[in-house]
Amino acid sequence: ITKPGGAFVFCDLVCGNDPDLSVQELAKFAEKNRINDWLNPGQTIKTCTNAGWSDVKFIDLSTDLRISFQLMLKKVTFVLEHGDTGTSSSRLLFMNYRDSICRRITQIERGVFMWGVFHM
């Protein structure tokens, strides 16, 4: 509940806007990540407006998320190359994590998903 004249802000992953992405690829991402009713920024703004909010804006922070993933990748790669990962199963977990981060970076760069703030 907000007071009259108040603001509401939330941050979330949303469906990307790239028209070159197939419906199947977007659906696969949504299914793998257990996302229901996955909306892009424009659809989310429309939903908020339909719910009675006004002056709804989306601030795209996908670049910041990509940088964060790149820094995580750098750390994980360093551990794999120079650190003691412990058991072979731990090393496998690190390798899987590295691969997952690489996929996320690629998905951000391709516009499969976006991350940002909605302000209203």
Foldseek 3Di string as FASTA:
>chain_A
DDDVVDKDKDKDKAFFDDPPDDPVVLVVVCVVVVHPPGHHPVVVQVVVVVVPDPPKDKDFPLVVVLVVLVVVLVVLVCCLVPNPLDDPVSSVVSVVSNVVSVVVNVCSVVRRMTITMMMD
